[in-house]
Amino acid sequence: MMENFQNGTLSADEFQTLYFKVFKESNDRMDGPLFKILDGVFESADCYWHECLSGQETTFEISKQQLRKEVHEALVKLNKLLDNR
């Protein structure tokens, strides 16, 4: 799902809706490091606002570009975590 958002298969709005659903259904089955990374994505998705433009982000609202950046950073962390297992 995160990769689909990164490559444009999912819009930011679609990603936000789907991520909320999947995360809430699965978060009790995650270990500490994995949960921390995916919870960070949840927080980013929660801050995403479709009307927020790049460069106008605040502490509570981010643009789709910022959401993509934060999802990309989470994917890098996830890959490192999986490589270390």
N, C-alpha and C. Protein backbone atom coordinates (compact mmCIF):
# COMPACT_ATOMS: atom_id res chain seq x y z
N MET A 1 0.81 -1.18 0.00
CA MET A 1 0.00 0.00 0.00
C MET A 1 0.87 1.27 0.00
N MET A 2 1.91 1.26 0.81
CA MET A 2 2.80 2.43 0.85
C MET A 2 3.52 2.61 -0.48
N GLU A 3 3.94 1.51 -1.07
CA GLU A 3 4.60 1.60 -2.38
C GLU A 3 3.61 2.05 -3.45
N ASN A 4 2.38 1.60 -3.37
CA ASN A 4 1.37 2.04 -4.33
C ASN A 4 1.12 3.54 -4.22
N PHE A 5 1.16 4.06 -3.03
CA PHE A 5 1.03 5.50 -2.85
C PHE A 5 2.25 6.21 -3.44
N GLN A 6 3.43 5.66 -3.19
CA GLN A 6 4.66 6.27 -3.70
C GLN A 6 4.68 6.33 -5.22
N ASN A 7 4.20 5.28 -5.87
CA ASN A 7 4.28 5.25 -7.33
C ASN A 7 3.04 5.84 -8.01
N GLY A 8 2.10 6.36 -7.21
CA GLY A 8 0.95 7.06 -7.79
C GLY A 8 -0.26 6.20 -8.07
N THR A 9 -0.17 4.91 -7.75
CA THR A 9 -1.32 4.04 -7.96
C THR A 9 -2.47 4.42 -7.03
N LEU A 10 -2.13 4.85 -5.82
CA LEU A 10 -3.12 5.34 -4.86
C LEU A 10 -2.95 6.85 -4.70
N SER A 11 -4.05 7.57 -4.66
CA SER A 11 -3.99 9.00 -4.37
C SER A 11 -3.74 9.18 -2.87
N ALA A 12 -3.41 10.38 -2.46
CA ALA A 12 -3.19 10.66 -1.04
C ALA A 12 -4.46 10.39 -0.24
N ASP A 13 -5.61 10.78 -0.78
CA ASP A 13 -6.87 10.54 -0.08
C ASP A 13 -7.16 9.05 0.05
N GLU A 14 -6.92 8.29 -1.01
CA GLU A 14 -7.13 6.84 -0.96
C GLU A 14 -6.17 6.19 0.03
N PHE A 15 -4.91 6.63 0.00
CA PHE A 15 -3.92 6.09 0.92
C PHE A 15 -4.34 6.35 2.36
N GLN A 16 -4.73 7.58 2.65
CA GLN A 16 -5.12 7.95 4.01
C GLN A 16 -6.25 7.06 4.51
N THR A 17 -7.29 6.91 3.72
CA THR A 17 -8.45 6.10 4.12
C THR A 17 -8.06 4.64 4.33
N LEU A 18 -7.35 4.07 3.38
CA LEU A 18 -6.95 2.67 3.45
C LEU A 18 -5.96 2.43 4.59
N TYR A 19 -5.01 3.32 4.75
CA TYR A 19 -4.00 3.14 5.80
C TYR A 19 -4.65 3.17 7.18
N PHE A 20 -5.57 4.12 7.40
CA PHE A 20 -6.26 4.17 8.70
C PHE A 20 -6.94 2.83 8.99
N LYS A 21 -7.64 2.31 8.02
CA LYS A 21 -8.39 1.05 8.20
C LYS A 21 -7.44 -0.11 8.52
N VAL A 22 -6.42 -0.27 7.71
CA VAL A 22 -5.50 -1.40 7.89
C VAL A 22 -4.69 -1.26 9.18
N PHE A 23 -4.22 -0.07 9.47
CA PHE A 23 -3.41 0.13 10.68
C PHE A 23 -4.23 -0.17 11.93
N LYS A 24 -5.44 0.33 11.99
CA LYS A 24 -6.27 0.11 13.18
C LYS A 24 -6.61 -1.36 13.37
N GLU A 25 -6.73 -2.11 12.26
CA GLU A 25 -7.03 -3.54 12.35
C GLU A 25 -5.81 -4.37 12.72
N SER A 26 -4.61 -3.85 12.48
CA SER A 26 -3.40 -4.66 12.62
C SER A 26 -2.44 -4.22 13.71
N ASN A 27 -2.65 -3.06 14.32
CA ASN A 27 -1.61 -2.52 15.20
C ASN A 27 -1.35 -3.34 16.46
N ASP A 28 -2.25 -4.20 16.86
CA ASP A 28 -2.02 -5.02 18.05
C ASP A 28 -1.13 -6.23 17.76
N ARG A 29 -0.81 -6.45 16.49
CA ARG A 29 0.02 -7.60 16.12
C ARG A 29 1.44 -7.19 15.73
N MET A 30 1.84 -5.97 16.03
CA MET A 30 3.16 -5.48 15.62
C MET A 30 4.10 -5.41 16.82
N ASP A 31 5.38 -5.69 16.56
CA ASP A 31 6.38 -5.54 17.61
C ASP A 31 6.82 -4.08 17.69
N GLY A 32 7.63 -3.76 18.68
CA GLY A 32 8.03 -2.38 18.96
C GLY A 32 8.59 -1.58 17.81
N PRO A 33 9.70 -2.00 17.19
CA PRO A 33 10.29 -1.21 16.12
C PRO A 33 9.37 -1.05 14.90
N LEU A 34 8.68 -2.11 14.54
CA LEU A 34 7.76 -2.05 13.41
C LEU A 34 6.60 -1.11 13.74
N PHE A 35 6.06 -1.24 14.93
CA PHE A 35 4.96 -0.37 15.34
C PHE A 35 5.38 1.09 15.31
N LYS A 36 6.56 1.38 15.80
CA LYS A 36 7.03 2.77 15.84
C LYS A 36 7.07 3.38 14.44
N ILE A 37 7.58 2.65 13.47
CA ILE A 37 7.66 3.15 12.09
C ILE A 37 6.26 3.35 11.52
N LEU A 38 5.42 2.34 11.65
CA LEU A 38 4.08 2.40 11.05
C LEU A 38 3.17 3.38 11.78
N ASP A 39 3.39 3.55 13.07
CA ASP A 39 2.64 4.56 13.82
C ASP A 39 3.02 5.96 13.35
N GLY A 40 4.28 6.16 13.00
CA GLY A 40 4.70 7.44 12.45
C GLY A 40 3.99 7.75 11.13
N VAL A 41 3.80 6.72 10.31
CA VAL A 41 3.05 6.90 9.06
C VAL A 41 1.59 7.22 9.38
N PHE A 42 1.03 6.57 10.40
CA PHE A 42 -0.34 6.86 10.81
C PHE A 42 -0.47 8.33 11.20
N GLU A 43 0.48 8.81 11.99
CA GLU A 43 0.45 10.22 12.40
C GLU A 43 0.56 11.15 11.19
N SER A 44 1.41 10.81 10.24
CA SER A 44 1.54 11.62 9.03
C SER A 44 0.25 11.61 8.22
N ALA A 45 -0.34 10.42 8.08
CA ALA A 45 -1.60 10.33 7.34
C ALA A 45 -2.70 11.12 8.04
N ASP A 46 -2.66 11.12 9.36
CA ASP A 46 -3.64 11.88 10.13
C ASP A 46 -3.48 13.39 9.90
N CYS A 47 -2.26 13.84 9.69
CA CYS A 47 -1.99 15.26 9.46
C CYS A 47 -2.25 15.69 8.02
N TYR A 48 -2.34 14.73 7.11
CA TYR A 48 -2.57 15.07 5.71
C TYR A 48 -3.91 15.77 5.54
N TRP A 49 -3.89 16.87 4.78
CA TRP A 49 -5.10 17.62 4.46
C TRP A 49 -5.06 17.94 2.98
N HIS A 50 -6.07 17.54 2.23
CA HIS A 50 -6.06 17.67 0.78
C HIS A 50 -5.97 19.11 0.29
N GLU A 51 -6.34 20.07 1.11
CA GLU A 51 -6.26 21.48 0.70
C GLU A 51 -4.92 22.13 1.06
N CYS A 52 -4.10 21.43 1.80
CA CYS A 52 -2.80 21.98 2.19
C CYS A 52 -1.85 21.89 0.99
N LEU A 53 -1.24 23.01 0.67
CA LEU A 53 -0.30 23.05 -0.45
C LEU A 53 1.13 22.90 0.05
N SER A 54 1.98 22.41 -0.83
CA SER A 54 3.39 22.26 -0.49
C SER A 54 3.95 23.62 -0.07
N GLY A 55 4.67 23.63 1.03
CA GLY A 55 5.23 24.86 1.56
C GLY A 55 4.32 25.56 2.56
N GLN A 56 3.09 25.09 2.70
CA GLN A 56 2.16 25.69 3.65
C GLN A 56 1.86 24.75 4.82
N GLU A 57 2.69 23.73 4.99
CA GLU A 57 2.48 22.77 6.07
C GLU A 57 2.61 23.44 7.44
N THR A 58 1.88 22.90 8.38
CA THR A 58 1.98 23.33 9.77
C THR A 58 2.25 22.10 10.61
N THR A 59 2.26 22.25 11.90
CA THR A 59 2.45 21.11 12.79
C THR A 59 1.31 20.12 12.67
N PHE A 60 0.13 20.62 12.30
CA PHE A 60 -1.07 19.78 12.28
C PHE A 60 -1.60 19.45 10.88
N GLU A 61 -1.05 20.07 9.84
CA GLU A 61 -1.50 19.83 8.47
C GLU A 61 -0.30 19.68 7.55
N ILE A 62 -0.34 18.63 6.71
CA ILE A 62 0.72 18.45 5.72
C ILE A 62 0.10 18.23 4.35
N SER A 63 0.87 18.54 3.33
CA SER A 63 0.45 18.38 1.94
C SER A 63 0.68 16.94 1.48
N LYS A 64 0.15 16.63 0.29
CA LYS A 64 0.38 15.28 -0.24
C LYS A 64 1.86 15.07 -0.54
N GLN A 65 2.57 16.13 -0.93
CA GLN A 65 4.00 16.00 -1.20
C GLN A 65 4.76 15.65 0.09
N GLN A 66 4.39 16.30 1.19
CA GLN A 66 5.04 16.00 2.46
C GLN A 66 4.67 14.60 2.94
N LEU A 67 3.43 14.20 2.71
CA LEU A 67 3.02 12.84 3.08
C LEU A 67 3.83 11.83 2.28
N ARG A 68 4.01 12.05 0.98
CA ARG A 68 4.83 11.15 0.16
C ARG A 68 6.25 11.07 0.70
N LYS A 69 6.81 12.20 1.09
CA LYS A 69 8.18 12.23 1.63
C LYS A 69 8.26 11.40 2.91
N GLU A 70 7.28 11.59 3.78
CA GLU A 70 7.31 10.87 5.05
C GLU A 70 7.06 9.37 4.87
N VAL A 71 6.22 9.01 3.91
CA VAL A 71 6.01 7.59 3.61
C VAL A 71 7.29 6.99 3.02
N HIS A 72 7.96 7.74 2.16
CA HIS A 72 9.23 7.27 1.58
C HIS A 72 10.25 7.02 2.70
N GLU A 73 10.36 7.95 3.63
CA GLU A 73 11.30 7.78 4.74
C GLU A 73 10.94 6.55 5.57
N ALA A 74 9.65 6.30 5.76
CA ALA A 74 9.22 5.12 6.50
C ALA A 74 9.57 3.84 5.74
N LEU A 75 9.41 3.86 4.43
CA LEU A 75 9.78 2.68 3.63
C LEU A 75 11.27 2.38 3.74
N VAL A 76 12.10 3.40 3.76
CA VAL A 76 13.54 3.20 3.93
C VAL A 76 13.80 2.55 5.29
N LYS A 77 13.15 3.05 6.33
CA LYS A 77 13.33 2.49 7.68
C LYS A 77 12.83 1.04 7.73
N LEU A 78 11.69 0.78 7.09
CA LEU A 78 11.16 -0.59 7.07
C LEU A 78 12.12 -1.55 6.37
N ASN A 79 12.67 -1.11 5.24
CA ASN A 79 13.64 -1.96 4.53
C ASN A 79 14.87 -2.25 5.38
N LYS A 80 15.37 -1.25 6.10
CA LYS A 80 16.52 -1.47 6.98
C LYS A 80 16.16 -2.43 8.09
N LEU A 81 14.97 -2.27 8.67
CA LEU A 81 14.52 -3.16 9.73
C LEU A 81 14.42 -4.60 9.24
N LEU A 82 13.85 -4.78 8.08
CA LEU A 82 13.70 -6.13 7.52
C LEU A 82 15.04 -6.74 7.13
N ASP A 83 15.97 -5.91 6.66
CA ASP A 83 17.31 -6.40 6.31
C ASP A 83 18.07 -6.88 7.54
N ASN A 84 17.76 -6.30 8.70
CA ASN A 84 18.47 -6.64 9.94
C ASN A 84 17.86 -7.84 10.65
N ARG A 85 16.76 -8.37 10.16
CA ARG A 85 16.11 -9.51 10.82
C ARG A 85 16.68 -10.82 10.38
